[in-house]
Each structure stands twice: as structure tokens, then as C-alpha cells.
Amino acid sequence: MDVLMLFGDANSVVIFTKTSCCMSQSIKTLLRRFLVNPTIHEIDRLPNGKQIEKVLTFVGGSNQIMSLNIQ
């Protein structure tokens, strides 16, 4: 869980996704239409992406990768 906290910043909307996820593209477009500028982390491009994927799977309770976190 601590690995996700490393990616936290002042932005209250954070998206964890993979570059190939078509759903994340839709979510990004929708949020931007509402003038929300989310922080986006494409985990397949990160050196510790596999570790983040495992944590997201554990936290989310499924094997879906895209995770939208709003604080």
C-alpha cells in the first residue's frame, strides 16, 4: 500500500492505468471535459509497475488494472 502513497501529490484525482486500456482513455476525456486535470500513472511504463499492479489488484479486489482515485 505504501507504494501507492509515493505517487500521491497535491492533485486529488489520480488515475493508475496501462497504456493499452481503452476505458482509461474514456475516463481521462470525461474528466477533462469537466475541467479536471488528473494525475495519470501508466504503470506499464514505470520501473516498479508490476509491484503497483499487485497492490492495485489487492486494494481493488479484482484483476482490473485501471484505478481512479478521488480524494
C-alpha atoms as a PDB file:
ATOM      1  CA  MET A   1       0.000   0.000   0.000  1.00  0.00           C
ATOM      2  CA  ASP A   2       2.906   2.338   0.722  1.00  0.00           C
ATOM      3  CA  VAL A   3       3.941   2.175  -2.912  1.00  0.00           C
ATOM      4  CA  LEU A   4       0.714   3.967  -3.896  1.00  0.00           C
ATOM      5  CA  MET A   5       1.363   6.715  -1.370  1.00  0.00           C
ATOM      6  CA  LEU A   6       4.605   7.542  -3.166  1.00  0.00           C
ATOM      7  CA  PHE A   7       2.569   8.642  -6.161  1.00  0.00           C
ATOM      8  CA  GLY A   8       0.293  10.939  -4.180  1.00  0.00           C
ATOM      9  CA  ASP A   9       0.596  14.637  -4.830  1.00  0.00           C
ATOM     10  CA  ALA A  10      -1.417  17.808  -4.446  1.00  0.00           C
ATOM     11  CA  ASN A  11      -3.820  16.638  -7.150  1.00  0.00           C
ATOM     12  CA  SER A  12      -6.899  14.997  -5.675  1.00  0.00           C
ATOM     13  CA  VAL A  13      -7.670  12.923  -8.799  1.00  0.00           C
ATOM     14  CA  VAL A  14      -5.185  10.173  -9.638  1.00  0.00           C
ATOM     15  CA  ILE A  15      -5.534   7.503 -12.325  1.00  0.00           C
ATOM     16  CA  PHE A  16      -3.472   4.321 -12.430  1.00  0.00           C
ATOM     17  CA  THR A  17      -3.750   2.568 -15.769  1.00  0.00           C
ATOM     18  CA  LYS A  18      -1.948   0.818 -18.599  1.00  0.00           C
ATOM     19  CA  THR A  19      -1.290   2.467 -21.940  1.00  0.00           C
ATOM     20  CA  SER A  20      -3.437  -0.127 -23.719  1.00  0.00           C
ATOM     21  CA  CYS A  21      -6.571   0.450 -21.592  1.00  0.00           C
ATOM     22  CA  CYS A  22      -9.355   1.945 -23.714  1.00  0.00           C
ATOM     23  CA  MET A  23     -11.526   2.618 -20.652  1.00  0.00           C
ATOM     24  CA  SER A  24      -8.909   4.878 -19.112  1.00  0.00           C
ATOM     25  CA  GLN A  25      -8.865   6.979 -22.277  1.00  0.00           C
ATOM     26  CA  SER A  26     -12.631   7.481 -21.916  1.00  0.00           C
ATOM     27  CA  ILE A  27     -12.290   8.419 -18.245  1.00  0.00           C
ATOM     28  CA  LYS A  28      -9.477  10.888 -18.991  1.00  0.00           C
ATOM     29  CA  THR A  29     -11.584  12.529 -21.713  1.00  0.00           C
ATOM     30  CA  LEU A  30     -14.632  12.727 -19.447  1.00  0.00           C
ATOM     31  CA  LEU A  31     -12.687  14.276 -16.571  1.00  0.00           C
ATOM     32  CA  ARG A  32     -11.031  16.834 -18.823  1.00  0.00           C
ATOM     33  CA  ARG A  33     -14.442  17.892 -20.163  1.00  0.00           C
ATOM     34  CA  PHE A  34     -15.309  18.781 -16.564  1.00  0.00           C
ATOM     35  CA  LEU A  35     -12.057  20.771 -16.371  1.00  0.00           C
ATOM     36  CA  VAL A  36     -10.439  18.216 -14.075  1.00  0.00           C
ATOM     37  CA  ASN A  37      -6.761  17.665 -14.730  1.00  0.00           C
ATOM     38  CA  PRO A  38      -5.976  14.245 -13.225  1.00  0.00           C
ATOM     39  CA  THR A  39      -2.535  12.911 -12.430  1.00  0.00           C
ATOM     40  CA  ILE A  40      -2.093   9.833 -14.636  1.00  0.00           C
ATOM     41  CA  HIS A  41       0.344   6.995 -13.940  1.00  0.00           C
ATOM     42  CA  GLU A  42       0.685   4.438 -16.737  1.00  0.00           C
ATOM     43  CA  ILE A  43       2.033   1.526 -14.739  1.00  0.00           C
ATOM     44  CA  ASP A  44       3.337  -0.418 -17.732  1.00  0.00           C
ATOM     45  CA  ARG A  45       5.820   2.428 -18.268  1.00  0.00           C
ATOM     46  CA  LEU A  46       7.030   2.576 -14.681  1.00  0.00           C
ATOM     47  CA  PRO A  47      10.026   0.573 -13.431  1.00  0.00           C
ATOM     48  CA  ASN A  48       8.032  -0.694 -10.434  1.00  0.00           C
ATOM     49  CA  GLY A  49       4.827  -1.160 -12.444  1.00  0.00           C
ATOM     50  CA  LYS A  50       4.409  -4.844 -11.580  1.00  0.00           C
ATOM     51  CA  GLN A  51       4.552  -4.039  -7.871  1.00  0.00           C
ATOM     52  CA  ILE A  52       1.959  -1.272  -8.287  1.00  0.00           C
ATOM     53  CA  GLU A  53      -0.248  -3.629 -10.309  1.00  0.00           C
ATOM     54  CA  LYS A  54      -0.180  -6.183  -7.465  1.00  0.00           C
ATOM     55  CA  VAL A  55      -1.142  -3.543  -4.907  1.00  0.00           C
ATOM     56  CA  LEU A  56      -3.982  -2.220  -7.087  1.00  0.00           C
ATOM     57  CA  THR A  57      -5.280  -5.752  -7.588  1.00  0.00           C
ATOM     58  CA  PHE A  58      -5.212  -6.308  -3.821  1.00  0.00           C
ATOM     59  CA  VAL A  59      -6.847  -2.957  -2.995  1.00  0.00           C
ATOM     60  CA  GLY A  60      -9.428  -3.164  -5.764  1.00  0.00           C
ATOM     61  CA  GLY A  61     -10.338  -6.788  -5.140  1.00  0.00           C
ATOM     62  CA  SER A  62     -10.174  -7.762  -8.803  1.00  0.00           C
ATOM     63  CA  ASN A  63      -7.684  -8.144 -11.614  1.00  0.00           C
ATOM     64  CA  GLN A  64      -8.798  -4.907 -13.276  1.00  0.00           C
ATOM     65  CA  ILE A  65      -5.884  -2.538 -13.626  1.00  0.00           C
ATOM     66  CA  MET A  66      -7.429   0.871 -14.160  1.00  0.00           C
ATOM     67  CA  SER A  67      -7.953   2.587 -10.859  1.00  0.00           C
ATOM     68  CA  LEU A  68      -9.422   6.030 -10.408  1.00  0.00           C
ATOM     69  CA  ASN A  69      -8.702   7.540  -7.004  1.00  0.00           C
ATOM     70  CA  ILE A  70     -10.503  10.705  -5.941  1.00  0.00           C
ATOM     71  CA  GLN A  71      -9.772  12.385  -2.618  1.00  0.00           C
END
